[in-house]
Structure formats: structure tokens, C-alpha cells
Amino acid sequence: MKFSIISILLSIFNFTATVKINTHILKDYWSTDGKTQILYGFLELKYSYKYYYLIISFVSLFFLISAFKNKESEKFLYSAMFIFLLGTSSIIIGFWKWFV
């Protein structure tokens, strides 16, 4: 049970950090004028450090695989898998664009 708990905690940290970064990107987008908003894909590059959080996702995946090998409780395994997928997809998908 301890491997899945560690994976859940890492994934939750990952998700909250990514949400914070995406809200900063959204606030910067709203504070720019129309001409700059057109080219905002280039200006978003200053937030490319969010992809470093994929390292935390891989560590979380390692703990998740270890939890599967140790045959831990299924409810913890499935919740860890769901939160892992949520955290990893929040890094890759720029969901700040949904609020524009």
C-alpha cells in the first residue's frame, strides 16, 4: 500500500503545480493586447519549464509499477493510476486555452 500512496502523493503534487502554471499562463494571456495574443504560442515558451514535471510523473509511474508488482489493494492502485493519468495529461495538454 505504501508504493501506491507515494504515487498518489507525487501525482497530486504534479497536478497542483501544473494547474498553478496554467493559471499563470492564462493570466498573462488576458493581460496582453490583441496583437500579442495572436502570437502567444511563442510567448508561452517562457513557461516551458512545466515539462520538467514529467520527471515527477516518471517517478510516480515507477512507484505505480512497484505497487502492481507487490499486488497492493486494488482501490489504491486504480486511484493511483487515475491520478497519475490526470497529472501527466495536465502537463501535456495546455488546458488554459479552454478558458479563453
N, C-alpha and C. Protein backbone atom coordinates (compact mmCIF):
# COMPACT_ATOMS: atom_id res chain seq x y z
N MET A 1 0.82 -1.19 0.00
CA MET A 1 0.00 0.00 0.00
C MET A 1 0.86 1.25 0.00
N LYS A 2 2.08 1.16 0.46
CA LYS A 2 2.90 2.36 0.55
C LYS A 2 3.35 2.87 -0.81
N PHE A 3 3.59 1.98 -1.78
CA PHE A 3 4.01 2.44 -3.11
C PHE A 3 2.89 3.20 -3.82
N SER A 4 1.68 2.73 -3.68
CA SER A 4 0.57 3.42 -4.33
C SER A 4 0.28 4.76 -3.65
N ILE A 5 0.46 4.84 -2.35
CA ILE A 5 0.26 6.12 -1.64
C ILE A 5 1.31 7.14 -2.09
N ILE A 6 2.55 6.69 -2.23
CA ILE A 6 3.61 7.60 -2.70
C ILE A 6 3.30 8.06 -4.12
N SER A 7 2.84 7.16 -4.96
CA SER A 7 2.47 7.53 -6.32
C SER A 7 1.32 8.53 -6.34
N ILE A 8 0.34 8.33 -5.48
CA ILE A 8 -0.79 9.26 -5.40
C ILE A 8 -0.31 10.64 -4.96
N LEU A 9 0.54 10.70 -3.96
CA LEU A 9 1.02 12.00 -3.46
C LEU A 9 1.86 12.73 -4.51
N LEU A 10 2.72 12.00 -5.20
CA LEU A 10 3.51 12.63 -6.26
C LEU A 10 2.62 13.14 -7.39
N SER A 11 1.62 12.38 -7.75
CA SER A 11 0.73 12.80 -8.83
C SER A 11 -0.12 13.99 -8.44
N ILE A 12 -0.55 14.04 -7.19
CA ILE A 12 -1.32 15.19 -6.72
C ILE A 12 -0.46 16.45 -6.73
N PHE A 13 0.79 16.31 -6.27
CA PHE A 13 1.71 17.45 -6.31
C PHE A 13 1.91 17.91 -7.75
N ASN A 14 2.09 16.96 -8.63
CA ASN A 14 2.29 17.24 -10.05
C ASN A 14 1.09 17.98 -10.64
N PHE A 15 -0.09 17.52 -10.34
CA PHE A 15 -1.31 18.13 -10.86
C PHE A 15 -1.49 19.55 -10.33
N THR A 16 -1.29 19.76 -9.04
CA THR A 16 -1.48 21.11 -8.48
C THR A 16 -0.44 22.08 -9.01
N ALA A 17 0.80 21.63 -9.19
CA ALA A 17 1.82 22.52 -9.75
C ALA A 17 1.49 22.89 -11.18
N THR A 18 0.98 21.95 -11.94
CA THR A 18 0.63 22.23 -13.33
C THR A 18 -0.58 23.15 -13.43
N VAL A 19 -1.53 22.99 -12.55
CA VAL A 19 -2.69 23.90 -12.54
C VAL A 19 -2.23 25.32 -12.22
N LYS A 20 -1.31 25.44 -11.30
CA LYS A 20 -0.79 26.76 -10.95
C LYS A 20 -0.08 27.40 -12.14
N ILE A 21 0.73 26.63 -12.84
CA ILE A 21 1.44 27.15 -14.01
C ILE A 21 0.45 27.56 -15.10
N ASN A 22 -0.57 26.74 -15.32
CA ASN A 22 -1.55 27.07 -16.36
C ASN A 22 -2.37 28.30 -16.00
N THR A 23 -2.64 28.52 -14.73
CA THR A 23 -3.34 29.76 -14.35
C THR A 23 -2.46 30.98 -14.56
N HIS A 24 -1.15 30.83 -14.35
CA HIS A 24 -0.24 31.94 -14.64
C HIS A 24 -0.21 32.24 -16.14
N ILE A 25 -0.20 31.20 -16.95
CA ILE A 25 -0.23 31.39 -18.40
C ILE A 25 -1.51 32.10 -18.81
N LEU A 26 -2.64 31.70 -18.23
CA LEU A 26 -3.92 32.31 -18.57
C LEU A 26 -3.96 33.78 -18.15
N LYS A 27 -3.43 34.10 -16.97
CA LYS A 27 -3.41 35.49 -16.52
C LYS A 27 -2.52 36.34 -17.43
N ASP A 28 -1.39 35.79 -17.86
CA ASP A 28 -0.54 36.53 -18.79
C ASP A 28 -1.22 36.74 -20.13
N TYR A 29 -1.95 35.75 -20.58
CA TYR A 29 -2.68 35.87 -21.84
C TYR A 29 -3.74 36.96 -21.76
N TRP A 30 -4.47 36.99 -20.66
CA TRP A 30 -5.51 38.00 -20.51
C TRP A 30 -4.93 39.41 -20.38
N SER A 31 -3.71 39.53 -19.88
CA SER A 31 -3.14 40.86 -19.68
C SER A 31 -2.49 41.43 -20.94
N THR A 32 -2.42 40.66 -22.00
CA THR A 32 -1.82 41.16 -23.24
C THR A 32 -2.89 41.73 -24.17
N ASP A 33 -2.44 42.52 -25.12
CA ASP A 33 -3.38 43.09 -26.08
C ASP A 33 -3.62 42.11 -27.23
N GLY A 34 -4.46 42.49 -28.17
CA GLY A 34 -4.89 41.59 -29.23
C GLY A 34 -3.79 41.13 -30.16
N LYS A 35 -2.85 42.02 -30.49
CA LYS A 35 -1.77 41.65 -31.40
C LYS A 35 -0.86 40.61 -30.76
N THR A 36 -0.60 40.77 -29.50
CA THR A 36 0.28 39.84 -28.80
C THR A 36 -0.42 38.51 -28.56
N GLN A 37 -1.73 38.53 -28.39
CA GLN A 37 -2.46 37.28 -28.16
C GLN A 37 -2.39 36.36 -29.37
N ILE A 38 -2.28 36.95 -30.56
CA ILE A 38 -2.18 36.14 -31.77
C ILE A 38 -0.89 35.32 -31.74
N LEU A 39 0.18 35.89 -31.27
CA LEU A 39 1.47 35.22 -31.24
C LEU A 39 1.79 34.62 -29.87
N TYR A 40 0.76 34.38 -29.08
CA TYR A 40 1.03 33.96 -27.70
C TYR A 40 1.62 32.56 -27.61
N GLY A 41 1.52 31.77 -28.65
CA GLY A 41 2.16 30.47 -28.65
C GLY A 41 3.67 30.59 -28.49
N PHE A 42 4.24 31.64 -29.08
CA PHE A 42 5.67 31.87 -28.93
C PHE A 42 6.00 32.43 -27.55
N LEU A 43 5.13 33.27 -27.03
CA LEU A 43 5.39 33.84 -25.72
C LEU A 43 5.18 32.84 -24.60
N GLU A 44 4.47 31.76 -24.89
CA GLU A 44 4.23 30.72 -23.90
C GLU A 44 5.50 29.90 -23.63
N LEU A 45 6.49 30.08 -24.46
CA LEU A 45 7.73 29.31 -24.31
C LEU A 45 8.46 29.61 -23.00
N LYS A 46 8.18 30.77 -22.39
CA LYS A 46 8.84 31.05 -21.11
C LYS A 46 8.31 30.15 -20.00
N TYR A 47 7.20 29.46 -20.26
CA TYR A 47 6.65 28.51 -19.29
C TYR A 47 6.98 27.06 -19.68
N SER A 48 7.97 26.88 -20.51
CA SER A 48 8.30 25.52 -20.95
C SER A 48 8.92 24.68 -19.83
N TYR A 49 9.24 25.29 -18.69
CA TYR A 49 9.76 24.52 -17.57
C TYR A 49 8.71 23.57 -17.00
N LYS A 50 7.47 23.73 -17.39
CA LYS A 50 6.44 22.82 -16.89
C LYS A 50 6.66 21.40 -17.36
N TYR A 51 7.42 21.22 -18.44
CA TYR A 51 7.69 19.88 -18.93
C TYR A 51 8.70 19.14 -18.05
N TYR A 52 9.41 19.87 -17.19
CA TYR A 52 10.29 19.20 -16.23
C TYR A 52 9.49 18.41 -15.20
N TYR A 53 8.24 18.74 -15.05
CA TYR A 53 7.39 17.99 -14.11
C TYR A 53 7.09 16.59 -14.62
N LEU A 54 7.43 16.31 -15.87
CA LEU A 54 7.29 14.95 -16.37
C LEU A 54 8.25 13.99 -15.66
N ILE A 55 9.34 14.53 -15.12
CA ILE A 55 10.26 13.70 -14.34
C ILE A 55 9.55 13.17 -13.10
N ILE A 56 8.77 14.02 -12.46
CA ILE A 56 8.00 13.58 -11.29
C ILE A 56 6.96 12.55 -11.71
N SER A 57 6.41 12.71 -12.90
CA SER A 57 5.45 11.73 -13.40
C SER A 57 6.10 10.37 -13.61
N PHE A 58 7.32 10.36 -14.13
CA PHE A 58 8.01 9.09 -14.33
C PHE A 58 8.36 8.42 -13.00
N VAL A 59 8.71 9.22 -11.99
CA VAL A 59 8.96 8.66 -10.67
C VAL A 59 7.67 8.09 -10.10
N SER A 60 6.58 8.79 -10.29
CA SER A 60 5.29 8.29 -9.85
C SER A 60 4.92 7.01 -10.58
N LEU A 61 5.22 6.95 -11.86
CA LEU A 61 4.97 5.72 -12.62
C LEU A 61 5.81 4.56 -12.10
N PHE A 62 7.04 4.82 -11.72
CA PHE A 62 7.88 3.78 -11.13
C PHE A 62 7.25 3.22 -9.86
N PHE A 63 6.74 4.10 -8.99
CA PHE A 63 6.08 3.64 -7.77
C PHE A 63 4.78 2.90 -8.09
N LEU A 64 4.10 3.32 -9.12
CA LEU A 64 2.87 2.64 -9.52
C LEU A 64 3.16 1.23 -10.04
N ILE A 65 4.21 1.08 -10.80
CA ILE A 65 4.59 -0.24 -11.28
C ILE A 65 5.02 -1.13 -10.12
N SER A 66 5.74 -0.54 -9.17
CA SER A 66 6.13 -1.30 -7.97
C SER A 66 4.91 -1.73 -7.17
N ALA A 67 3.89 -0.89 -7.13
CA ALA A 67 2.66 -1.25 -6.42
C ALA A 67 1.95 -2.40 -7.11
N PHE A 68 1.96 -2.41 -8.44
CA PHE A 68 1.36 -3.53 -9.18
C PHE A 68 2.13 -4.83 -8.94
N LYS A 69 3.45 -4.73 -8.88
CA LYS A 69 4.25 -5.93 -8.65
C LYS A 69 4.03 -6.50 -7.25
N ASN A 70 3.80 -5.62 -6.28
CA ASN A 70 3.57 -6.06 -4.90
C ASN A 70 2.11 -6.45 -4.65
N LYS A 71 1.28 -6.32 -5.66
CA LYS A 71 -0.15 -6.67 -5.58
C LYS A 71 -0.83 -5.97 -4.39
N GLU A 72 -0.75 -4.66 -4.42
CA GLU A 72 -1.38 -3.87 -3.37
C GLU A 72 -2.88 -3.81 -3.59
N SER A 73 -3.57 -3.15 -2.70
CA SER A 73 -5.02 -3.06 -2.74
C SER A 73 -5.48 -2.43 -4.05
N GLU A 74 -6.53 -3.01 -4.63
CA GLU A 74 -6.98 -2.56 -5.94
C GLU A 74 -7.52 -1.14 -5.93
N LYS A 75 -8.20 -0.74 -4.87
CA LYS A 75 -8.75 0.61 -4.86
C LYS A 75 -7.64 1.66 -4.84
N PHE A 76 -6.53 1.36 -4.16
CA PHE A 76 -5.41 2.29 -4.18
C PHE A 76 -4.70 2.27 -5.54
N LEU A 77 -4.61 1.10 -6.13
CA LEU A 77 -3.97 1.01 -7.44
C LEU A 77 -4.73 1.76 -8.51
N TYR A 78 -6.04 1.57 -8.54
CA TYR A 78 -6.84 2.25 -9.56
C TYR A 78 -6.91 3.75 -9.34
N SER A 79 -6.98 4.17 -8.09
CA SER A 79 -6.99 5.60 -7.83
C SER A 79 -5.63 6.21 -8.15
N ALA A 80 -4.54 5.49 -7.85
CA ALA A 80 -3.21 5.99 -8.20
C ALA A 80 -3.04 6.08 -9.71
N MET A 81 -3.58 5.11 -10.43
CA MET A 81 -3.49 5.13 -11.89
C MET A 81 -4.29 6.30 -12.47
N PHE A 82 -5.48 6.54 -11.93
CA PHE A 82 -6.30 7.63 -12.43
C PHE A 82 -5.64 8.98 -12.15
N ILE A 83 -5.13 9.16 -10.94
CA ILE A 83 -4.50 10.44 -10.60
C ILE A 83 -3.20 10.62 -11.38
N PHE A 84 -2.48 9.52 -11.64
CA PHE A 84 -1.28 9.60 -12.46
C PHE A 84 -1.62 10.08 -13.87
N LEU A 85 -2.64 9.50 -14.47
CA LEU A 85 -3.04 9.91 -15.82
C LEU A 85 -3.53 11.35 -15.85
N LEU A 86 -4.23 11.76 -14.81
CA LEU A 86 -4.70 13.14 -14.72
C LEU A 86 -3.53 14.11 -14.60
N GLY A 87 -2.57 13.78 -13.76
CA GLY A 87 -1.42 14.65 -13.57
C GLY A 87 -0.55 14.74 -14.80
N THR A 88 -0.33 13.62 -15.46
CA THR A 88 0.51 13.62 -16.66
C THR A 88 -0.18 14.32 -17.82
N SER A 89 -1.47 14.10 -17.98
CA SER A 89 -2.17 14.76 -19.09
C SER A 89 -2.29 16.26 -18.86
N SER A 90 -2.31 16.71 -17.61
CA SER A 90 -2.39 18.14 -17.36
C SER A 90 -1.09 18.84 -17.74
N ILE A 91 0.01 18.10 -17.76
CA ILE A 91 1.27 18.69 -18.21
C ILE A 91 1.28 18.83 -19.73
N ILE A 92 0.86 17.79 -20.39
CA ILE A 92 0.96 17.76 -21.85
C ILE A 92 -0.09 18.64 -22.51
N ILE A 93 -1.30 18.61 -21.99
CA ILE A 93 -2.41 19.38 -22.56
C ILE A 93 -2.43 20.76 -21.91
N GLY A 94 -2.37 21.79 -22.72
CA GLY A 94 -2.45 23.15 -22.20
C GLY A 94 -3.90 23.54 -22.00
N PHE A 95 -4.46 23.19 -20.85
CA PHE A 95 -5.89 23.41 -20.66
C PHE A 95 -6.23 24.86 -20.36
N TRP A 96 -5.25 25.75 -20.28
CA TRP A 96 -5.57 27.16 -20.11
C TRP A 96 -6.27 27.71 -21.34
N LYS A 97 -6.08 27.05 -22.50
CA LYS A 97 -6.72 27.51 -23.74
C LYS A 97 -8.22 27.31 -23.72
N TRP A 98 -8.70 26.41 -22.87
CA TRP A 98 -10.15 26.14 -22.78
C TRP A 98 -10.89 27.34 -22.18
N PHE A 99 -10.19 28.20 -21.44
CA PHE A 99 -10.85 29.30 -20.74
C PHE A 99 -10.74 30.61 -21.48
N VAL A 100 -10.22 30.57 -22.70
CA VAL A 100 -10.06 31.80 -23.48
C VAL A 100 -11.36 32.12 -24.18
